[in-house]
Protein backbone atom coordinates (compact mmCIF):
# COMPACT_ATOMS: atom_id res chain seq x y z
CA MET A 1 0.15 0.05 -0.36
CA HIS A 2 1.49 3.19 -0.94
CA LEU A 3 0.27 6.74 -1.24
CA PRO A 4 0.10 8.44 -5.09
CA GLU A 5 2.69 11.18 -5.57
CA SER A 6 0.41 13.55 -7.37
CA ASN A 7 2.33 13.80 -10.48
CA ALA A 8 2.61 9.74 -10.50
CA TRP A 9 -0.72 9.05 -11.22
CA THR A 10 -3.66 9.80 -13.79
CA ARG A 11 -6.99 9.74 -12.60
CA LEU A 12 -9.24 7.27 -14.69
CA SER A 13 -13.22 7.23 -13.55
CA HIS A 14 -14.20 8.80 -10.15
CA HIS A 15 -16.64 7.06 -7.90
CA VAL A 16 -18.00 9.53 -5.42
CA THR A 17 -15.74 8.25 -2.76
CA GLU A 18 -13.34 6.09 -4.74
CA GLU A 19 -11.06 6.76 -7.96
CA VAL A 20 -9.27 4.59 -10.75
CA ARG A 21 -5.31 5.22 -11.46
CA GLN A 22 -3.12 4.61 -12.96
CA HIS A 23 0.41 5.12 -12.35
CA LYS A 24 2.35 7.18 -15.32
CA GLU A 25 5.45 5.18 -14.82
CA HIS A 26 4.75 1.29 -15.05
CA GLY A 27 0.77 1.46 -15.96
CA GLN A 28 -0.62 -0.40 -13.22
CA LYS A 29 -4.37 0.63 -12.48
CA ALA A 30 -5.21 1.09 -8.77
CA LEU A 31 -8.26 2.25 -6.26
CA PHE A 32 -7.90 5.40 -4.14
CA SER A 33 -10.55 5.86 -1.34
CA LEU A 34 -10.97 9.34 -1.67
CA CYS A 35 -12.14 9.67 2.46
CA SER A 36 -11.51 8.41 6.17
CA ARG A 37 -12.75 4.75 6.31
CA LYS A 38 -12.86 3.32 9.99
CA ALA A 39 -12.48 -1.02 10.32
CA GLY A 40 -15.71 -2.42 9.88
CA ASP A 41 -16.84 0.78 7.72
CA VAL A 42 -18.50 -1.27 4.45
CA ILE A 43 -17.16 0.54 1.47
CA ALA A 44 -19.34 -0.53 -1.19
CA ASP A 45 -21.97 -3.48 -1.91
CA PHE A 46 -21.24 -6.17 -4.93
CA SER A 47 -22.60 -7.95 -7.23
CA ALA A 48 -22.27 -10.54 -10.02
CA GLY A 49 -21.28 -8.98 -13.43
CA THR A 50 -21.36 -12.51 -14.58
CA ILE A 51 -20.64 -15.64 -12.67
CA SER A 52 -18.15 -18.44 -14.52
CA ALA A 53 -17.33 -21.98 -13.94
CA GLU A 54 -13.42 -21.02 -14.07
CA PRO A 55 -11.56 -18.87 -12.21
CA THR A 56 -9.71 -15.66 -14.06
CA TYR A 57 -7.67 -12.75 -13.01
CA LEU A 58 -10.65 -10.44 -12.79
CA THR A 59 -12.90 -12.48 -10.83
CA VAL A 60 -13.60 -13.60 -7.12
CA GLN A 61 -14.52 -16.92 -6.17
CA LEU A 62 -17.83 -17.31 -4.12
CA ALA A 63 -17.70 -21.14 -4.18
CA GLU A 64 -16.04 -24.48 -5.70
CA GLY A 65 -16.70 -23.83 -9.54
CA LYS A 66 -18.51 -20.61 -9.26
CA HIS A 67 -16.81 -16.97 -9.71
CA ILE A 68 -17.38 -13.75 -10.28
CA THR A 69 -17.02 -10.78 -11.93
CA LEU A 70 -17.69 -7.29 -9.70
CA GLN A 71 -20.22 -4.94 -10.15
CA PRO A 72 -19.47 -2.31 -9.72
CA GLU A 73 -16.53 -2.77 -12.27
CA TYR A 74 -14.26 -0.34 -10.40
CA LEU A 75 -13.72 -2.53 -7.38
CA GLN A 76 -11.97 -4.87 -10.25
CA TYR A 77 -8.93 -2.03 -9.36
CA ILE A 78 -8.46 -3.34 -6.14
CA ASN A 79 -5.20 -4.52 -5.92
CA HIS A 80 -2.88 -7.67 -3.46
CA SER A 81 -0.96 -6.94 -0.74
CA CYS A 82 -0.16 -9.27 1.83
CA GLU A 83 -1.12 -6.30 4.85
CA PRO A 84 -4.41 -5.67 3.32
CA ASN A 85 -6.58 -2.81 3.78
CA VAL A 86 -10.06 -4.30 2.66
CA PHE A 87 -12.00 -7.76 1.92
CA PHE A 88 -14.43 -8.51 0.37
CA ASP A 89 -16.49 -10.26 1.89
CA THR A 90 -18.48 -12.67 -0.91
CA THR A 91 -21.34 -14.01 1.91
CA ALA A 92 -22.97 -9.94 2.49
CA MET A 93 -21.39 -9.03 -0.50
CA GLN A 94 -19.68 -6.57 0.91
CA LEU A 95 -16.59 -4.46 0.63
CA VAL A 96 -15.60 -4.16 4.36
CA ALA A 97 -12.78 -1.68 5.81
CA LEU A 98 -10.52 -4.18 7.18
CA LYS A 99 -8.62 -1.36 9.73
CA ASP A 100 -8.76 2.65 9.47
CA ILE A 101 -8.49 3.96 5.69
CA GLN A 102 -7.12 7.40 5.25
CA PRO A 103 -8.30 9.61 2.21
CA GLU A 104 -5.50 9.21 -0.74
CA THR A 105 -4.29 5.59 0.42
CA GLU A 106 -4.99 2.33 -2.16
CA LEU A 107 -7.32 -0.28 -1.11
CA VAL A 108 -6.04 -3.58 -1.26
CA PHE A 109 -6.83 -7.19 -0.29
CA PHE A 110 -4.97 -10.24 0.07
CA TYR A 111 -6.54 -12.23 -2.85
CA PRO A 112 -5.92 -15.93 -0.58
CA SER A 113 -9.07 -14.69 1.10
CA SER A 114 -11.30 -15.04 -1.12
CA GLU A 115 -9.36 -17.52 -3.56
CA TRP A 116 -8.43 -21.40 -3.05
CA ASP A 117 -6.52 -22.04 -6.38
CA MET A 118 -5.94 -19.16 -8.89
CA THR A 119 -5.17 -19.54 -12.31
CA GLN A 120 -2.61 -16.62 -12.51
CA SER A 121 -0.38 -16.70 -9.77
CA PHE A 122 2.27 -14.47 -9.37
CA ARG A 123 5.67 -12.67 -7.27
CA CYS A 124 3.66 -10.16 -4.90
CA LEU A 125 5.54 -7.09 -5.19
CA CYS A 126 3.38 -4.95 -2.08
CA GLY A 127 6.96 -4.87 -0.14
CA THR A 128 5.52 -5.31 2.84
CA ALA A 129 7.91 -6.75 5.67
CA SER A 130 4.99 -9.98 5.60
CA CYS A 131 5.14 -10.53 1.89
CA LEU A 132 4.47 -13.62 1.24
CA GLY A 133 6.29 -13.52 -2.30
CA GLU A 134 4.44 -16.33 -4.58
CA ILE A 135 0.78 -15.86 -4.24
CA ARG A 136 -0.69 -18.85 -5.66
CA GLY A 137 -4.48 -19.39 -3.54
CA ALA A 138 -5.15 -20.49 0.03
CA ALA A 139 -5.19 -24.05 -0.83
CA HIS A 140 -0.50 -23.07 -0.91
CA LEU A 141 -0.66 -21.47 2.65
CA GLY A 142 -0.09 -23.35 5.86
CA PRO A 143 -2.47 -22.90 8.75
CA GLU A 144 -0.75 -20.35 10.56
CA THR A 145 -0.38 -17.99 7.48
CA LEU A 146 -4.03 -17.89 6.82
CA ALA A 147 -5.18 -17.73 10.45
CA LEU A 148 -3.07 -14.07 10.47
CA TYR A 149 -6.29 -13.37 7.48
CA ARG A 150 -10.01 -12.90 7.51
CA LEU A 151 -11.00 -14.89 5.15
CA THR A 152 -13.90 -16.01 2.84
CA ASP A 153 -16.66 -18.01 4.64
CA TYR A 154 -16.28 -20.46 1.46
CA ILE A 155 -12.00 -20.64 2.59
CA ARG A 156 -12.82 -21.43 5.92
CA GLN A 157 -14.95 -24.45 4.81
CA ARG A 158 -12.31 -25.32 2.40
CA LEU A 159 -9.46 -25.46 5.32
CA ARG A 160 -11.68 -27.51 7.18
CA LYS A 161 -12.22 -29.88 4.82
CA LYS A 162 -8.46 -29.89 4.18
CA SER A 163 -8.20 -30.41 8.36
CA ALA A 164 -10.36 -33.32 8.35
CA LYS A 165 -8.66 -35.21 5.70
CA LYS A 166 -5.48 -34.91 7.23
CA VAL A 167 -7.15 -35.84 11.06
CA ALA A 168 -8.96 -39.23 8.89
């Protein structure tokens, strides 16, 4: 998470309390908050734009074989961080602040909080002290790591099943 330099970002679209920006140097798109938020605040309600059986780099997983594109569409520009400040609650269908957020802060979430096994893994460049490196989905992380994050109901359910198989 980083604060934008006024000349480093170009505004692409404005959405009342958030703004999509593109970094002038490397082209990365991101969603920034334009107002203060308190931990627990609902930032936005969301719904399924499309539903598919297979994940893509733009989808959020709701269940096994159920992946959605986000509506409103500008929420797709919330990037990954190993120290997230927002969470996609896929049961309530709400984007929730995990911590206090100041204006001009990039909104970021932990991809494995909603993704079991990602189609496109990537090398994380979040630059945080707790950066995990390769991001592949919750299925590829240990319980000690996942315990540090808020996880969707679906991911928690998959972890319980995985744990029960190890015991059996």
